[in-house]
N, C-alpha and C. Protein backbone atom coordinates (compact mmCIF):
# COMPACT_ATOMS: atom_id res chain seq x y z
N MET A 1 9.84 -9.35 3.85
CA MET A 1 9.16 -8.69 2.77
C MET A 1 10.15 -8.34 1.66
N GLU A 2 11.37 -8.02 2.05
CA GLU A 2 12.37 -7.66 1.06
C GLU A 2 12.61 -8.81 0.08
N TYR A 3 12.57 -10.03 0.60
CA TYR A 3 12.82 -11.20 -0.24
C TYR A 3 11.71 -11.36 -1.28
N THR A 4 10.49 -11.09 -0.88
CA THR A 4 9.36 -11.18 -1.80
C THR A 4 9.50 -10.14 -2.90
N TYR A 5 9.86 -8.92 -2.52
CA TYR A 5 10.06 -7.87 -3.52
C TYR A 5 11.18 -8.24 -4.48
N CYS A 6 12.23 -8.80 -3.96
CA CYS A 6 13.35 -9.20 -4.82
C CYS A 6 12.92 -10.30 -5.79
N ALA A 7 12.12 -11.23 -5.31
CA ALA A 7 11.61 -12.30 -6.18
C ALA A 7 10.72 -11.71 -7.27
N LEU A 8 9.89 -10.74 -6.91
CA LEU A 8 9.04 -10.10 -7.91
C LEU A 8 9.87 -9.33 -8.93
N LEU A 9 10.93 -8.70 -8.47
CA LEU A 9 11.82 -7.97 -9.36
C LEU A 9 12.48 -8.93 -10.36
N LEU A 10 12.96 -10.05 -9.86
CA LEU A 10 13.56 -11.05 -10.75
C LEU A 10 12.54 -11.53 -11.78
N HIS A 11 11.34 -11.81 -11.31
CA HIS A 11 10.30 -12.28 -12.22
C HIS A 11 9.99 -11.24 -13.29
N LYS A 12 9.84 -9.99 -12.87
CA LYS A 12 9.53 -8.90 -13.81
C LYS A 12 10.64 -8.72 -14.84
N ALA A 13 11.89 -8.97 -14.42
CA ALA A 13 13.03 -8.83 -15.32
C ALA A 13 13.20 -10.06 -16.23
N GLY A 14 12.36 -11.08 -16.02
CA GLY A 14 12.45 -12.27 -16.84
C GLY A 14 13.54 -13.23 -16.43
N LYS A 15 14.07 -13.03 -15.24
CA LYS A 15 15.14 -13.90 -14.73
C LYS A 15 14.54 -15.05 -13.94
N ASP A 16 15.30 -16.11 -13.79
CA ASP A 16 14.87 -17.27 -13.02
C ASP A 16 14.90 -16.93 -11.53
N VAL A 17 13.81 -17.21 -10.83
CA VAL A 17 13.76 -16.95 -9.39
C VAL A 17 14.31 -18.19 -8.70
N ASN A 18 15.63 -18.17 -8.49
CA ASN A 18 16.30 -19.26 -7.79
C ASN A 18 17.13 -18.68 -6.64
N GLU A 19 17.70 -19.57 -5.85
CA GLU A 19 18.43 -19.12 -4.65
C GLU A 19 19.59 -18.19 -4.99
N GLU A 20 20.34 -18.53 -6.00
CA GLU A 20 21.52 -17.74 -6.36
C GLU A 20 21.12 -16.33 -6.81
N ASN A 21 20.16 -16.25 -7.73
CA ASN A 21 19.73 -14.94 -8.23
C ASN A 21 19.07 -14.11 -7.13
N LEU A 22 18.26 -14.75 -6.32
CA LEU A 22 17.57 -14.04 -5.25
C LEU A 22 18.57 -13.48 -4.24
N LYS A 23 19.59 -14.26 -3.91
CA LYS A 23 20.60 -13.79 -2.96
C LYS A 23 21.36 -12.59 -3.53
N LYS A 24 21.67 -12.62 -4.82
CA LYS A 24 22.37 -11.50 -5.44
C LYS A 24 21.56 -10.22 -5.35
N VAL A 25 20.26 -10.32 -5.63
CA VAL A 25 19.40 -9.13 -5.60
C VAL A 25 19.24 -8.62 -4.17
N VAL A 26 19.08 -9.52 -3.23
CA VAL A 26 18.93 -9.11 -1.82
C VAL A 26 20.19 -8.37 -1.35
N VAL A 27 21.34 -8.91 -1.66
CA VAL A 27 22.60 -8.28 -1.26
C VAL A 27 22.77 -6.94 -1.98
N ALA A 28 22.40 -6.90 -3.26
CA ALA A 28 22.52 -5.64 -4.01
C ALA A 28 21.60 -4.56 -3.45
N ALA A 29 20.51 -4.99 -2.81
CA ALA A 29 19.58 -4.03 -2.21
C ALA A 29 20.08 -3.54 -0.86
N GLY A 30 21.19 -4.09 -0.39
CA GLY A 30 21.76 -3.64 0.87
C GLY A 30 21.22 -4.35 2.09
N VAL A 31 20.61 -5.51 1.86
CA VAL A 31 20.05 -6.28 2.97
C VAL A 31 20.94 -7.50 3.20
N GLU A 32 21.14 -7.82 4.46
CA GLU A 32 21.93 -9.01 4.78
C GLU A 32 21.10 -10.25 4.42
N ALA A 33 21.65 -11.10 3.56
CA ALA A 33 20.92 -12.26 3.06
C ALA A 33 20.83 -13.35 4.11
N ASP A 34 19.62 -13.86 4.32
CA ASP A 34 19.37 -14.98 5.22
C ASP A 34 19.07 -16.19 4.34
N ASP A 35 20.02 -17.13 4.28
CA ASP A 35 19.89 -18.27 3.38
C ASP A 35 18.64 -19.10 3.65
N SER A 36 18.24 -19.22 4.90
CA SER A 36 17.05 -20.02 5.20
C SER A 36 15.78 -19.36 4.65
N LYS A 37 15.70 -18.03 4.74
CA LYS A 37 14.54 -17.33 4.18
C LYS A 37 14.52 -17.44 2.67
N ILE A 38 15.69 -17.35 2.06
CA ILE A 38 15.78 -17.45 0.61
C ILE A 38 15.34 -18.84 0.15
N LYS A 39 15.85 -19.88 0.82
CA LYS A 39 15.48 -21.25 0.46
C LYS A 39 13.98 -21.47 0.64
N SER A 40 13.45 -20.95 1.72
CA SER A 40 12.03 -21.11 2.00
C SER A 40 11.17 -20.43 0.93
N LEU A 41 11.54 -19.23 0.55
CA LEU A 41 10.78 -18.50 -0.46
C LEU A 41 10.85 -19.19 -1.81
N VAL A 42 12.04 -19.61 -2.22
CA VAL A 42 12.19 -20.29 -3.50
C VAL A 42 11.38 -21.59 -3.51
N ALA A 43 11.39 -22.32 -2.40
CA ALA A 43 10.63 -23.56 -2.32
C ALA A 43 9.12 -23.29 -2.38
N SER A 44 8.68 -22.22 -1.75
CA SER A 44 7.25 -21.92 -1.76
C SER A 44 6.78 -21.40 -3.11
N LEU A 45 7.67 -20.85 -3.91
CA LEU A 45 7.31 -20.35 -5.23
C LEU A 45 7.41 -21.41 -6.32
N LYS A 46 7.94 -22.57 -5.97
CA LYS A 46 8.12 -23.64 -6.95
C LYS A 46 6.74 -24.09 -7.45
N GLY A 47 6.56 -24.03 -8.76
CA GLY A 47 5.30 -24.46 -9.37
C GLY A 47 4.20 -23.41 -9.33
N VAL A 48 4.51 -22.21 -8.88
CA VAL A 48 3.52 -21.14 -8.80
C VAL A 48 3.61 -20.27 -10.06
N ASP A 49 2.46 -19.98 -10.66
CA ASP A 49 2.42 -19.06 -11.79
C ASP A 49 2.28 -17.65 -11.21
N ILE A 50 3.41 -16.95 -11.14
CA ILE A 50 3.44 -15.64 -10.48
C ILE A 50 2.55 -14.64 -11.20
N ASP A 51 2.52 -14.66 -12.53
CA ASP A 51 1.66 -13.74 -13.27
C ASP A 51 0.19 -13.94 -12.91
N LYS A 52 -0.22 -15.18 -12.82
CA LYS A 52 -1.61 -15.49 -12.48
C LYS A 52 -1.93 -15.03 -11.06
N GLU A 53 -1.01 -15.25 -10.14
CA GLU A 53 -1.22 -14.83 -8.75
C GLU A 53 -1.28 -13.31 -8.62
N LEU A 54 -0.43 -12.62 -9.37
CA LEU A 54 -0.46 -11.15 -9.33
C LEU A 54 -1.77 -10.62 -9.91
N GLU A 55 -2.25 -11.26 -10.96
CA GLU A 55 -3.51 -10.83 -11.56
C GLU A 55 -4.67 -11.03 -10.59
N SER A 56 -4.72 -12.17 -9.95
CA SER A 56 -5.82 -12.42 -9.01
C SER A 56 -5.70 -11.53 -7.78
N ALA A 57 -4.48 -11.20 -7.37
CA ALA A 57 -4.29 -10.31 -6.22
C ALA A 57 -4.75 -8.90 -6.56
N SER A 58 -4.49 -8.45 -7.78
CA SER A 58 -4.90 -7.10 -8.15
C SER A 58 -6.42 -7.02 -8.30
N LEU A 59 -7.07 -8.11 -8.70
CA LEU A 59 -8.52 -8.12 -8.78
C LEU A 59 -9.14 -8.03 -7.40
N VAL A 60 -8.54 -8.70 -6.44
CA VAL A 60 -9.04 -8.66 -5.07
C VAL A 60 -8.83 -7.28 -4.48
N ALA A 61 -7.72 -6.66 -4.79
CA ALA A 61 -7.40 -5.35 -4.23
C ALA A 61 -8.33 -4.26 -4.77
N THR A 62 -8.82 -4.41 -5.98
CA THR A 62 -9.68 -3.38 -6.55
C THR A 62 -11.15 -3.62 -6.28
N ALA A 63 -11.52 -4.79 -5.80
CA ALA A 63 -12.92 -5.08 -5.50
C ALA A 63 -13.35 -4.34 -4.24
N PRO A 64 -14.54 -3.74 -4.24
CA PRO A 64 -14.99 -3.04 -3.03
C PRO A 64 -15.29 -4.04 -1.92
N ALA A 65 -15.08 -3.61 -0.72
CA ALA A 65 -15.34 -4.47 0.44
C ALA A 65 -16.84 -4.68 0.60
N LYS A 66 -17.22 -5.83 1.13
CA LYS A 66 -18.63 -6.11 1.35
C LYS A 66 -19.18 -5.15 2.39
N GLY A 67 -20.34 -4.62 2.12
CA GLY A 67 -20.98 -3.73 3.06
C GLY A 67 -20.45 -2.31 3.02
N ALA A 68 -19.51 -2.04 2.12
CA ALA A 68 -18.96 -0.69 2.02
C ALA A 68 -19.97 0.21 1.34
N PRO A 69 -20.10 1.43 1.80
CA PRO A 69 -21.05 2.34 1.15
C PRO A 69 -20.59 2.67 -0.27
N ALA A 70 -21.55 2.92 -1.13
CA ALA A 70 -21.22 3.21 -2.52
C ALA A 70 -20.50 4.54 -2.65
N GLU A 71 -20.82 5.46 -1.77
CA GLU A 71 -20.18 6.77 -1.83
C GLU A 71 -19.13 6.86 -0.75
N ASP A 72 -18.13 7.61 -1.02
CA ASP A 72 -17.05 7.79 -0.06
C ASP A 72 -17.52 8.71 1.06
N VAL A 73 -17.38 8.25 2.27
CA VAL A 73 -17.82 9.02 3.43
C VAL A 73 -17.01 10.30 3.56
N ALA A 74 -15.75 10.25 3.17
CA ALA A 74 -14.89 11.43 3.30
C ALA A 74 -15.35 12.57 2.40
N GLU A 75 -16.11 12.25 1.37
CA GLU A 75 -16.55 13.28 0.45
C GLU A 75 -17.76 14.06 0.95
N GLU A 76 -18.38 13.58 2.03
CA GLU A 76 -19.53 14.30 2.57
C GLU A 76 -19.08 15.66 3.06
N LYS A 77 -19.87 16.68 2.71
CA LYS A 77 -19.53 18.03 3.12
C LYS A 77 -20.52 18.49 4.17
N LYS A 78 -20.02 19.19 5.14
CA LYS A 78 -20.89 19.77 6.16
C LYS A 78 -21.55 21.01 5.55
N PRO A 79 -22.79 21.24 5.92
CA PRO A 79 -23.42 22.45 5.40
C PRO A 79 -22.69 23.68 5.92
N GLU A 80 -22.46 24.61 5.03
CA GLU A 80 -21.71 25.80 5.40
C GLU A 80 -22.61 26.80 6.12
N LYS A 81 -22.00 27.47 7.08
CA LYS A 81 -22.72 28.52 7.79
C LYS A 81 -22.84 29.74 6.89
N PRO A 82 -23.93 30.48 7.03
CA PRO A 82 -24.02 31.73 6.27
C PRO A 82 -22.89 32.67 6.67
N LYS A 83 -22.53 33.58 5.78
CA LYS A 83 -21.40 34.48 6.01
C LYS A 83 -21.62 35.37 7.23
N GLU A 84 -22.87 35.74 7.50
CA GLU A 84 -23.15 36.61 8.65
C GLU A 84 -22.80 35.91 9.95
N GLU A 85 -23.14 34.62 10.05
CA GLU A 85 -22.84 33.87 11.27
C GLU A 85 -21.33 33.74 11.46
N LYS A 86 -20.62 33.56 10.34
CA LYS A 86 -19.17 33.45 10.42
C LYS A 86 -18.55 34.75 10.95
N LYS A 87 -19.04 35.87 10.45
CA LYS A 87 -18.50 37.16 10.88
C LYS A 87 -18.79 37.40 12.35
N GLU A 88 -20.00 37.04 12.80
CA GLU A 88 -20.36 37.21 14.20
C GLU A 88 -19.47 36.36 15.11
N ALA A 89 -19.23 35.13 14.69
CA ALA A 89 -18.39 34.23 15.48
C ALA A 89 -16.97 34.77 15.55
N ALA A 90 -16.48 35.31 14.45
CA ALA A 90 -15.13 35.87 14.43
C ALA A 90 -15.05 37.09 15.34
N ALA A 91 -16.09 37.91 15.31
CA ALA A 91 -16.10 39.11 16.16
C ALA A 91 -16.15 38.73 17.63
N GLU A 92 -16.92 37.69 17.96
CA GLU A 92 -16.98 37.24 19.36
C GLU A 92 -15.61 36.74 19.81
N GLY A 93 -14.92 36.04 18.93
CA GLY A 93 -13.60 35.53 19.29
C GLY A 93 -12.61 36.64 19.50
N LEU A 94 -12.66 37.68 18.70
CA LEU A 94 -11.78 38.82 18.85
C LEU A 94 -12.09 39.61 20.12
N SER A 95 -13.36 39.74 20.45
CA SER A 95 -13.72 40.48 21.65
C SER A 95 -13.23 39.77 22.90
N ALA A 96 -13.15 38.44 22.84
CA ALA A 96 -12.64 37.69 23.98
C ALA A 96 -11.15 37.97 24.18
N LEU A 97 -10.46 38.23 23.10
CA LEU A 97 -9.03 38.51 23.21
C LEU A 97 -8.77 39.88 23.83
N PHE A 98 -9.59 40.86 23.42
CA PHE A 98 -9.35 42.24 23.87
C PHE A 98 -10.31 42.68 24.94
N GLY A 99 -11.26 41.82 25.35
CA GLY A 99 -12.23 41.94 26.40
C GLY A 99 -12.55 43.25 26.89
């Protein structure tokens, strides 16, 4: 994953994503460079429009999942107990302590 981030960093900086530049960034990040991974990544990125891929990835990430509810389930609130019930429950709990 570090290699991918380094490639994205090079791309964002407007630098050529090649083996030499990628190795420099990986080493500068404090990661031991694996030449085979670097070669593989550079070869797989050859001919790829990174800007276009990032744009399509961000569109996919923001699209709601199929079958997902329109409202966030976490936002559902439980009906609150009346204050009298809360006080009674608290009193029962205290009486259990001092019995």
